[in-house]
Protein backbone atom coordinates (compact mmCIF):
# COMPACT_ATOMS: atom_id res chain seq x y z
CA MET A 1 134.02 107.46 105.00
CA PRO A 2 137.37 105.67 105.64
CA ASN A 3 140.20 106.49 103.20
CA ILE A 4 140.40 102.89 101.94
CA THR A 5 136.68 103.08 101.04
CA VAL A 6 137.29 106.32 99.16
CA THR A 7 140.23 104.78 97.32
CA ILE A 8 138.16 101.74 96.23
CA ALA A 9 135.34 104.04 95.11
CA LYS A 10 137.75 106.19 93.03
CA GLN A 11 139.35 103.10 91.47
CA THR A 12 135.92 101.63 90.64
CA TYR A 13 134.82 104.95 89.11
CA LYS A 14 137.98 105.27 86.97
CA SER A 15 137.99 101.66 85.83
CA THR A 16 134.38 101.93 84.87
CA PHE A 17 134.97 104.82 82.49
CA GLY A 18 138.20 103.16 81.28
CA ASN A 19 136.04 100.43 79.77
CA ARG A 20 135.08 101.40 76.18
CA ALA A 21 131.83 99.43 76.16
CA THR A 22 130.77 101.13 79.40
CA LEU A 23 131.62 104.52 77.94
CA VAL A 24 129.49 103.79 74.84
CA LEU A 25 126.58 102.65 76.98
CA THR A 26 126.88 105.72 79.18
CA ILE A 27 126.90 108.04 76.16
CA LEU A 28 123.88 106.28 74.66
CA LEU A 29 121.97 106.58 77.92
CA GLY A 30 122.95 110.25 78.14
CA LEU A 31 121.63 110.79 74.59
CA SER A 32 118.43 109.00 75.54
CA LEU A 33 118.03 111.33 78.51
CA CYS A 34 118.60 114.38 76.29
CA LEU A 35 115.97 113.10 73.91
CA ALA A 36 113.53 112.37 76.74
CA THR A 37 114.13 115.88 78.15
CA TYR A 38 113.45 117.54 74.81
CA VAL A 39 110.31 115.40 74.27
CA GLY A 40 108.99 116.23 77.73
CA TRP A 41 109.70 119.96 77.35
CA GLN A 42 108.11 120.10 73.88
CA ASN A 43 105.19 118.01 75.06
CA PHE A 44 104.47 120.37 77.98
CA ARG A 45 104.75 123.54 75.92
CA THR A 46 102.53 122.28 73.10
CA GLN A 47 99.78 120.74 75.24
CA ASN A 48 99.68 123.37 77.91
CA ASN A 49 99.59 126.18 75.40
CA GLN A 50 96.76 124.51 73.59
CA ARG A 51 94.74 124.08 76.82
CA LEU A 52 95.37 127.70 77.91
CA HIS A 53 94.36 128.95 74.46
CA TYR A 54 91.03 127.09 74.42
CA LYS A 55 90.43 127.89 78.06
CA ASN A 56 90.65 131.63 77.25
CA LEU A 57 88.50 131.07 74.14
CA VAL A 58 85.79 129.33 76.21
CA ARG A 59 85.73 132.23 78.65
CA GLU A 60 85.48 134.80 75.94
CA GLN A 61 82.57 132.95 74.28
CA TRP A 62 80.80 132.63 77.60
CA LEU A 63 81.01 136.37 78.30
CA SER A 64 80.00 137.29 74.75
CA LYS A 65 76.67 135.42 74.92
CA PRO A 66 73.71 137.86 74.43
CA ASP A 67 70.76 138.42 76.75
CA LYS A 68 68.83 135.14 77.19
CA HIS A 69 67.02 132.90 79.61
CA PRO A 70 69.44 131.61 82.35
CA HIS A 71 68.28 128.03 81.91
CA ARG A 72 69.42 128.19 78.33
CA MET A 73 72.85 129.34 79.52
CA ALA A 74 72.91 126.43 81.97
CA HIS A 75 72.45 124.07 79.05
CA TYR A 76 74.93 126.05 76.91
CA GLY A 77 77.41 124.87 79.46
CA TYR A 78 81.13 125.36 80.04
CA LEU A 79 84.33 123.59 79.00
CA ALA A 80 86.75 122.98 81.85
CA PHE A 81 90.41 122.12 81.14
CA ARG A 82 92.91 120.28 83.26
CA GLU A 83 96.16 122.26 83.23
CA LYS A 84 99.53 120.47 83.42
CA HIS A 85 101.82 120.88 86.37
CA GLU A 86 105.17 122.36 85.37
CA LEU A 87 106.99 119.23 86.62
CA SER A 88 104.83 116.93 84.45
CA PHE A 89 107.45 117.25 81.65
CA PHE A 90 109.63 115.04 83.89
CA ASP A 91 107.15 112.24 84.30
CA PHE A 92 104.14 111.83 82.00
CA GLY A 93 102.43 109.33 84.31
CA ILE A 94 98.87 108.82 83.10
CA GLU A 95 98.79 112.25 81.45
CA SER A 96 98.49 110.92 77.93
CA PHE A 97 95.74 108.48 78.79
CA ALA A 98 93.59 110.67 81.05
CA GLY A 99 91.22 113.18 79.48
CA VAL A 100 92.10 116.84 79.50
CA SER A 101 88.70 118.52 79.39
CA ILE A 102 85.11 117.98 80.42
CA PHE A 103 81.89 119.62 79.19
CA LEU A 104 79.88 120.96 82.12
CA GLU A 105 76.15 121.44 81.76
CA ALA A 106 72.99 121.37 83.90
CA HIS A 107 71.37 118.09 84.93
CA LYS A 108 74.12 116.00 83.37
CA GLN A 109 77.57 114.87 84.37
CA ASN A 110 79.84 114.13 81.44
CA THR A 111 83.09 112.17 81.40
CA VAL A 112 86.50 113.67 80.91
CA ASN A 113 87.48 113.50 77.21
CA PHE A 114 90.17 114.26 74.64
CA SER A 115 93.10 112.29 76.01
CA GLU A 116 96.32 112.56 74.06
CA ALA A 117 96.25 108.81 73.44
CA GLY A 118 92.93 109.16 71.72
CA PHE A 119 94.52 111.38 69.05
CA SER A 120 97.81 109.54 68.70
CA ASN A 121 98.89 106.62 66.61
CA GLY A 122 99.31 103.09 67.89
CA MET A 123 102.95 103.72 68.84
CA LEU A 124 101.74 105.31 72.08
CA ARG A 125 100.68 101.83 73.24
CA PHE A 126 104.33 100.81 73.40
CA GLY A 127 104.98 103.61 75.89
CA GLU A 128 106.44 107.08 75.76
CA ILE A 129 109.99 108.14 76.31
CA SER A 130 110.18 110.40 79.32
CA ILE A 131 112.89 111.35 81.78
CA ALA A 132 111.23 109.32 84.47
CA MET A 133 111.01 106.26 82.26
CA VAL A 134 114.70 106.37 81.35
CA LEU A 135 115.76 106.92 84.96
CA GLN A 136 113.46 104.25 86.35
CA LEU A 137 114.14 101.52 83.78
CA LEU A 138 117.31 102.18 81.80
CA VAL A 139 119.63 103.62 84.46
CA PRO A 140 119.21 100.39 86.59
CA LEU A 141 120.19 98.40 83.52
CA LEU A 142 123.33 100.53 83.11
CA ILE A 143 124.14 100.08 86.84
CA PHE A 144 123.75 96.26 86.40
CA PHE A 145 126.26 96.31 83.53
CA LEU A 146 128.58 98.54 85.51
CA GLY A 147 128.64 96.44 88.63
CA TYR A 148 127.69 92.85 87.84
CA ASN A 149 131.41 91.87 87.90
CA SER A 150 132.53 94.43 90.51
CA ILE A 151 133.41 91.66 92.95
CA SER A 152 132.94 88.43 91.06
CA ALA A 153 135.67 89.52 88.59
CA GLU A 154 138.02 90.25 91.47
CA ARG A 155 137.32 86.77 92.79
CA LYS A 156 137.97 85.13 89.45
CA SER A 157 141.23 87.05 88.83
CA GLY A 158 142.53 86.33 92.29
CA THR A 159 142.85 90.00 93.29
CA LEU A 160 140.09 89.58 95.90
CA LYS A 161 142.40 87.44 98.07
CA ILE A 162 145.16 90.06 97.76
CA LEU A 163 142.80 92.81 98.79
CA LEU A 164 141.54 90.93 101.76
CA CYS A 165 145.05 90.03 102.79
CA GLN A 166 145.95 93.73 102.80
CA ASN A 167 143.50 94.46 105.63
CA VAL A 168 140.72 95.55 103.24
CA SER A 169 137.60 94.37 105.00
CA TRP A 170 134.55 93.08 103.18
CA LYS A 171 132.51 95.95 104.55
CA ARG A 172 134.82 98.61 103.12
CA LEU A 173 135.07 96.73 99.85
CA LEU A 174 131.28 96.60 99.46
CA TRP A 175 130.86 100.27 100.38
CA GLY A 176 133.67 101.34 98.06
CA LYS A 177 132.33 99.45 95.13
CA THR A 178 128.80 100.78 95.81
CA PHE A 179 129.97 104.43 96.00
CA GLY A 180 132.10 103.97 92.88
CA ILE A 181 129.08 102.73 90.86
CA ILE A 182 126.63 105.29 92.29
CA GLY A 183 129.22 107.94 91.35
CA VAL A 184 128.95 106.89 87.72
CA ALA A 185 125.09 107.06 87.89
CA LEU A 186 125.27 110.51 89.47
CA THR A 187 127.63 111.70 86.70
CA ILE A 188 124.66 111.34 84.43
CA PHE A 189 121.97 112.31 86.91
CA ILE A 190 123.43 115.54 88.26
CA PRO A 191 123.66 117.34 84.88
CA LEU A 192 120.16 116.16 84.15
CA ILE A 193 118.92 117.60 87.38
CA LEU A 194 120.55 120.95 86.59
CA LEU A 195 118.84 120.94 83.19
CA THR A 196 115.53 119.89 84.82
CA ILE A 197 115.73 122.84 87.25
CA LEU A 198 116.36 125.21 84.37
CA LEU A 199 113.50 123.89 82.23
CA TRP A 200 111.16 123.76 85.25
CA ALA A 201 111.90 127.39 86.07
CA SER A 202 111.35 128.51 82.41
CA LEU A 203 108.04 126.54 82.17
CA SER A 204 106.99 128.22 85.37
CA ASN A 205 107.72 131.62 83.69
CA TRP A 206 110.39 132.05 86.41
CA GLU A 207 107.67 132.27 89.06
CA ILE A 208 108.90 129.52 91.31
CA SER A 209 106.52 128.46 94.11
CA MET A 210 107.76 126.88 97.40
CA ASP A 211 105.44 123.93 96.80
CA ALA A 212 106.90 123.13 93.39
CA ALA A 213 110.49 123.60 94.68
CA LEU A 214 109.91 121.17 97.51
CA ARG A 215 108.29 118.72 95.06
CA LEU A 216 111.43 118.81 92.89
CA LEU A 217 113.73 118.47 95.90
CA ILE A 218 111.91 115.35 97.17
CA LEU A 219 111.92 114.00 93.60
CA ILE A 220 115.69 114.34 93.34
CA ILE A 221 116.16 112.75 96.79
CA SER A 222 113.87 109.81 95.84
CA TYR A 223 115.67 109.07 92.58
CA SER A 224 119.06 109.35 94.32
CA ALA A 225 117.88 106.82 96.97
CA TYR A 226 116.60 104.54 94.26
CA PHE A 227 119.96 104.56 92.44
CA PHE A 228 121.75 103.81 95.63
CA VAL A 229 119.46 100.89 96.34
CA VAL A 230 120.07 99.48 92.83
CA SER A 231 123.84 100.04 93.06
CA ALA A 232 124.03 98.30 96.49
CA ILE A 233 121.92 95.37 95.24
CA THR A 234 124.20 95.02 92.16
CA VAL A 235 127.35 94.88 94.28
CA LEU A 236 125.82 92.42 96.78
CA VAL A 237 124.67 90.11 94.01
CA SER A 238 128.17 90.25 92.52
CA ALA A 239 129.62 89.45 95.92
CA PHE A 240 127.40 86.46 96.54
CA GLN A 241 127.64 84.90 93.06
CA ARG A 242 130.57 82.67 92.10
CA SER A 243 130.91 84.04 88.56
CA SER A 244 130.23 87.26 86.68
CA LYS A 245 128.03 85.44 84.24
CA THR A 246 125.78 84.13 86.96
CA ALA A 247 125.65 87.59 88.57
CA LEU A 248 124.62 89.18 85.30
CA ILE A 249 121.94 86.62 84.61
CA THR A 250 120.57 87.05 88.09
CA LEU A 251 120.43 90.85 87.81
CA LEU A 252 118.81 90.77 84.40
CA SER A 253 116.23 88.22 85.60
CA CYS A 254 115.41 90.54 88.48
CA TRP A 255 115.03 93.46 86.12
CA ILE A 256 112.67 91.54 83.79
CA PHE A 257 110.54 90.35 86.72
CA PHE A 258 110.44 93.53 88.84
CA ALA A 259 110.32 96.17 86.05
CA VAL A 260 108.31 94.33 83.39
CA LEU A 261 106.30 91.35 84.69
CA MET A 262 105.47 92.29 88.29
CA PRO A 263 103.77 95.69 87.53
CA ARG A 264 101.43 94.01 85.03
CA ILE A 265 100.73 91.06 87.32
CA VAL A 266 99.84 93.37 90.15
CA GLN A 267 97.59 95.52 87.99
CA ALA A 268 95.81 92.44 86.64
CA MET A 269 95.27 91.13 90.19
CA GLY A 270 93.76 94.48 91.31
CA SER A 271 91.39 94.49 88.36
CA LYS A 272 90.37 90.91 88.88
CA ILE A 273 89.73 91.23 92.64
CA HIS A 274 88.04 94.64 92.42
CA PRO A 275 86.21 94.77 89.06
CA THR A 276 84.67 97.99 87.92
CA PRO A 277 81.40 98.44 85.93
CA SER A 278 81.49 99.34 82.27
CA LYS A 279 80.60 102.89 81.16
CA ILE A 280 77.08 101.71 80.19
CA GLU A 281 76.51 99.85 83.46
CA PHE A 282 77.66 102.92 85.43
CA ALA A 283 75.29 105.23 83.47
CA ASP A 284 72.41 102.82 83.94
CA ALA A 285 72.95 102.61 87.65
CA VAL A 286 72.96 106.43 87.93
CA SER A 287 69.80 106.70 85.78
CA ALA A 288 67.99 104.05 87.85
CA ASP A 289 68.66 105.94 91.11
CA ILE A 290 67.62 109.27 89.59
CA HIS A 291 64.42 107.71 88.24
CA GLU A 292 63.69 106.30 91.75
CA GLN A 293 64.15 109.76 93.28
CA GLY A 294 62.02 111.57 90.64
CA ASP A 295 62.32 113.46 87.38
CA SER A 296 62.34 117.28 87.69
CA HIS A 297 61.27 117.64 84.04
CA ASP A 298 58.12 115.56 84.59
CA PRO A 299 55.27 117.74 86.01
CA ASN A 300 53.39 114.60 87.13
CA ASP A 301 56.31 113.11 89.08
CA ALA A 302 55.18 112.30 92.63
CA HIS A 303 58.23 113.72 94.32
CA TYR A 304 58.05 117.12 92.65
CA ALA A 305 54.24 117.17 92.78
CA ALA A 306 54.63 116.97 96.58
CA ILE A 307 57.00 119.92 96.51
CA LYS A 308 54.60 121.90 94.40
CA ASP A 309 51.70 121.23 96.91
CA SER A 310 53.87 122.21 99.86
CA LEU A 311 54.83 125.51 98.18
CA LEU A 312 51.19 126.32 97.35
CA ARG A 313 50.23 125.71 100.91
CA LYS A 314 53.13 127.69 102.34
CA TYR A 315 52.47 130.80 100.26
CA GLN A 316 48.65 130.27 100.34
CA VAL A 317 48.23 130.48 96.58
CA THR A 318 46.34 128.27 94.09
CA ASP A 319 48.70 128.44 91.13
CA VAL A 320 52.50 128.36 90.81
CA LYS A 321 52.27 131.50 88.64
CA LYS A 322 51.25 133.37 91.76
CA LEU A 323 54.37 132.36 93.73
CA PRO A 324 56.78 135.31 94.53
CA PHE A 325 59.56 133.52 92.65
CA ASN A 326 60.02 131.55 89.50
CA TYR A 327 58.68 128.05 90.23
CA GLY A 328 60.53 126.43 87.27
CA GLY A 329 63.84 127.67 88.51
CA TYR A 330 63.10 126.37 92.04
CA ILE A 331 62.26 122.89 90.76
CA MET A 332 65.36 122.84 88.52
CA ALA A 333 67.49 123.72 91.54
CA GLU A 334 65.90 120.99 93.62
CA GLY A 335 66.41 118.49 90.76
CA GLU A 336 70.03 119.52 90.31
CA LYS A 337 70.67 119.03 93.99
CA ILE A 338 69.28 115.47 93.93
CA THR A 339 70.86 114.31 90.65
CA SER A 340 74.24 115.81 91.55
CA ALA A 341 74.31 113.98 94.91
CA ILE A 342 73.37 110.72 93.25
CA TYR A 343 76.02 111.00 90.57
CA SER A 344 78.70 112.11 93.05
CA ASP A 345 77.95 109.09 95.25
CA HIS A 346 78.31 106.71 92.32
CA GLN A 347 81.48 108.40 91.12
CA ARG A 348 82.96 108.27 94.63
CA LYS A 349 82.29 104.53 94.86
CA LEU A 350 83.81 104.01 91.42
CA ASN A 351 86.93 105.97 92.38
CA GLU A 352 87.19 103.96 95.58
CA THR A 353 87.21 100.83 93.52
CA PHE A 354 89.97 102.24 91.36
CA GLY A 355 91.83 103.14 94.51
CA LYS A 356 91.54 99.53 95.74
CA GLN A 357 92.93 98.33 92.42
CA ASN A 358 95.85 100.82 92.68
CA SER A 359 96.50 99.81 96.28
CA PHE A 360 97.89 96.52 94.99
CA THR A 361 100.64 98.44 93.22
CA VAL A 362 101.27 100.53 96.33
CA PHE A 363 101.59 97.52 98.62
CA ALA A 364 103.75 95.75 96.06
CA GLY A 365 106.25 98.59 96.45
CA LEU A 366 107.29 96.90 99.72
CA LEU A 367 108.67 94.11 97.47
CA ASN A 368 109.67 96.27 94.53
CA PRO A 369 111.48 99.64 94.85
CA TYR A 370 110.70 100.38 91.22
CA LEU A 371 106.93 100.52 91.94
CA SER A 372 107.48 102.74 94.97
CA LEU A 373 109.56 105.22 93.03
CA LYS A 374 106.98 105.18 90.21
CA GLN A 375 104.19 106.09 92.57
CA ILE A 376 106.26 108.86 94.23
CA SER A 377 107.39 110.29 90.88
CA MET A 378 103.89 110.44 89.38
CA ALA A 379 102.42 112.03 92.58
CA LEU A 380 105.14 114.68 92.83
CA THR A 381 104.79 115.66 89.17
CA ALA A 382 101.01 115.73 89.40
CA SER A 383 100.56 113.06 86.70
CA ASP A 384 98.96 110.38 88.87
CA PHE A 385 95.44 109.08 89.21
CA LYS A 386 94.70 111.07 92.34
CA THR A 387 95.37 114.33 90.46
CA TYR A 388 92.98 113.12 87.76
CA VAL A 389 90.27 112.38 90.37
CA ASN A 390 90.92 115.74 91.98
CA PHE A 391 90.25 117.41 88.62
CA GLN A 392 86.99 115.47 88.27
CA ASN A 393 85.83 116.61 91.71
CA GLN A 394 86.75 120.27 91.16
CA ALA A 395 85.07 120.26 87.79
CA GLU A 396 81.88 118.67 89.23
CA ALA A 397 81.88 121.26 92.04
CA TYR A 398 82.18 124.02 89.42
CA ARG A 399 79.45 122.46 87.27
CA TYR A 400 77.07 122.24 90.22
CA GLY A 401 77.79 125.86 91.25
CA LEU A 402 77.23 127.01 87.64
CA ALA A 403 73.93 125.19 87.28
CA GLN A 404 72.62 126.42 90.61
CA LYS A 405 73.83 129.98 89.79
CA MET A 406 71.68 129.93 86.64
CA ASN A 407 68.80 128.42 88.58
CA LYS A 408 69.06 131.20 91.16
CA LEU A 409 69.00 133.84 88.37
CA GLN A 410 65.87 132.14 86.97
CA ILE A 411 64.27 132.10 90.41
CA ASP A 412 65.00 135.76 91.12
CA LYS A 413 64.79 137.41 87.73
CA ILE A 414 62.42 135.40 85.53
CA SER A 415 58.70 135.98 85.93
CA ASN A 416 56.16 133.16 86.42
CA ILE A 417 53.82 134.84 83.98
CA SER A 418 54.20 135.93 80.37
CA PRO A 419 55.94 139.22 79.55
CA GLY A 420 52.78 140.75 78.22
CA GLU A 421 51.18 140.60 81.70
CA HIS A 422 54.22 141.59 83.70
CA GLU A 423 57.26 143.91 83.36
CA LYS A 424 59.88 141.17 83.96
CA PRO A 425 61.33 139.72 80.72
CA LEU A 426 61.95 136.01 79.91
CA SER A 427 65.60 136.80 79.37
CA ILE A 428 68.16 138.62 81.50
CA SER A 429 71.09 140.86 80.79
CA LYS A 430 74.30 139.25 79.60
CA SER A 431 76.15 141.16 82.31
CA ASN A 432 74.99 138.35 84.69
CA TRP A 433 77.24 135.86 82.95
CA ALA A 434 80.35 137.71 84.22
CA GLU A 435 79.28 136.86 87.80
CA GLN A 436 80.20 133.27 87.08
CA PRO A 437 83.97 132.99 87.72
CA ASP A 438 86.21 131.11 85.33
CA PHE A 439 87.20 127.50 86.14
CA ASN A 440 90.69 127.32 87.49
CA TYR A 441 92.07 123.93 88.46
CA LYS A 442 94.16 123.88 91.63
CA PHE A 443 96.76 121.18 92.36
CA ASP A 444 96.88 119.47 95.73
CA HIS A 445 99.26 120.97 98.27
CA LEU A 446 102.46 118.95 98.76
CA ASN A 447 101.34 117.99 102.34
CA HIS A 448 98.30 116.18 100.90
CA VAL A 449 100.46 114.55 98.25
CA LEU A 450 102.98 113.22 100.77
CA ALA A 451 100.24 112.03 103.06
CA HIS A 452 98.55 110.10 100.27
CA GLU A 453 101.84 108.57 99.13
CA SER A 454 103.12 107.82 102.64
CA LEU A 455 103.23 104.09 102.04
CA ALA A 456 105.28 104.47 98.86
CA LEU A 457 107.70 106.73 100.69
CA ILE A 458 107.95 104.26 103.57
CA SER A 459 108.53 101.44 101.03
CA LEU A 460 111.44 103.27 99.40
CA LEU A 461 112.84 104.13 102.85
CA PHE A 462 112.51 100.47 103.79
CA TRP A 463 114.54 99.40 100.77
CA LEU A 464 117.16 102.02 101.48
CA SER A 465 117.42 100.84 105.12
CA ALA A 466 117.59 97.22 103.99
CA VAL A 467 120.56 97.72 101.63
CA LEU A 468 122.37 99.85 104.23
CA PHE A 469 121.91 96.97 106.70
CA LEU A 470 123.14 94.43 104.17
CA LEU A 471 126.24 96.54 103.26
CA GLN A 472 127.09 96.58 106.94
CA TYR A 473 126.34 93.03 107.94
CA ALA A 474 126.26 90.87 104.78
CA PRO A 475 130.09 90.27 104.79
CA ARG A 476 129.69 87.60 107.48
CA TRP A 477 127.68 85.50 105.02
CA ILE A 478 129.90 85.97 102.02
CA LYS A 479 132.37 83.28 101.04
CA THR A 480 135.81 84.60 100.15
CA ILE A 481 136.54 81.98 97.50
């Protein structure tokens, strides 16, 4: 970076902090970040400790169940909890509005319940204060106030002509002003990052994984790029506008549109073009398909009657009680297989519709760097919709495995005839329950996260490239006076 650019950057940085109003705004923003950091840290500790406590309690209760029929255990069910990623204290994403647990039982797929929003007061509707929210929305406002008059004020005071007459090129002037403003933003951002690293390590119990470390590194780079884009846009608007007042109005109008209006417009468009069924409509559609396939609890159902006849022919017996395995368990396993496939297919189509709705926001990132950063931030902190869907899928896989495990125990260990006529009991030892492993949610690997958010990353890179290009070549279009 040429010396003249460094000099302009230093002067801009010093003059910015020399302004009392700017200093007050910076301090207020710093306090907001401190508050957001504390809220995020406390939120993570409280909620994650609760989930881990009840997760352990559910496991203890499962293992303590006495000897009983395995089908009763299948209906007793299991409660699965979605754990929080250690970086989720940075960005809440949809954490507070997505459910945290799901009751898993045989023959039935339940929805994820107990969201934080469901137990909070109405203030949550106005949004939560998080580190990501402050950095995404309030830091750009500070940058606008820092730089809206960075060049327009020079033009008004007449110092712009003096600078240009002293062989200071427009290119160096724009770069210097941009670096000076981004320097002020980084003065706030760097201490926050150091605090974030410390809190992240403590929330991870000082067991730092490479995946989480890379997530944090990419997160820092993404926010730094975002601040640079906002700083460059601020300086360019100031350079093109004739007065500071016009520059400020332009920047504030952009903030209102891109940060407040556009996200809601895009979401509304996605919901309008790709509508989703209501909860009742979804349940009715699933029930209709299951009814068409057959009811495993109905002995007269045509589908399962055909299975019964085929088994009797295969084993050359006249009664299901004479089969070498428990017929009821076999039918339950077949019914579970069919109903699970039907539900999973409907859930997959519903999630695809949600994905199409969200794609409007992703593509809008090409026009709005705020939306791109928001997508990246939520994905890296595992507080996005894809993480929620991933939890649903893992919970359903566990539910299906649990149900089929109990069905297998019934098939192998429960007699077809009454205990008085045979030595096998109608209940089995509780030691069998320990064979079912605990549910442990696993986050997606970073490679999958980056692949899924490739368009958002490309969008942010596009904006960074665009402002770099403008800083280099915009001077030819700027009027000196």
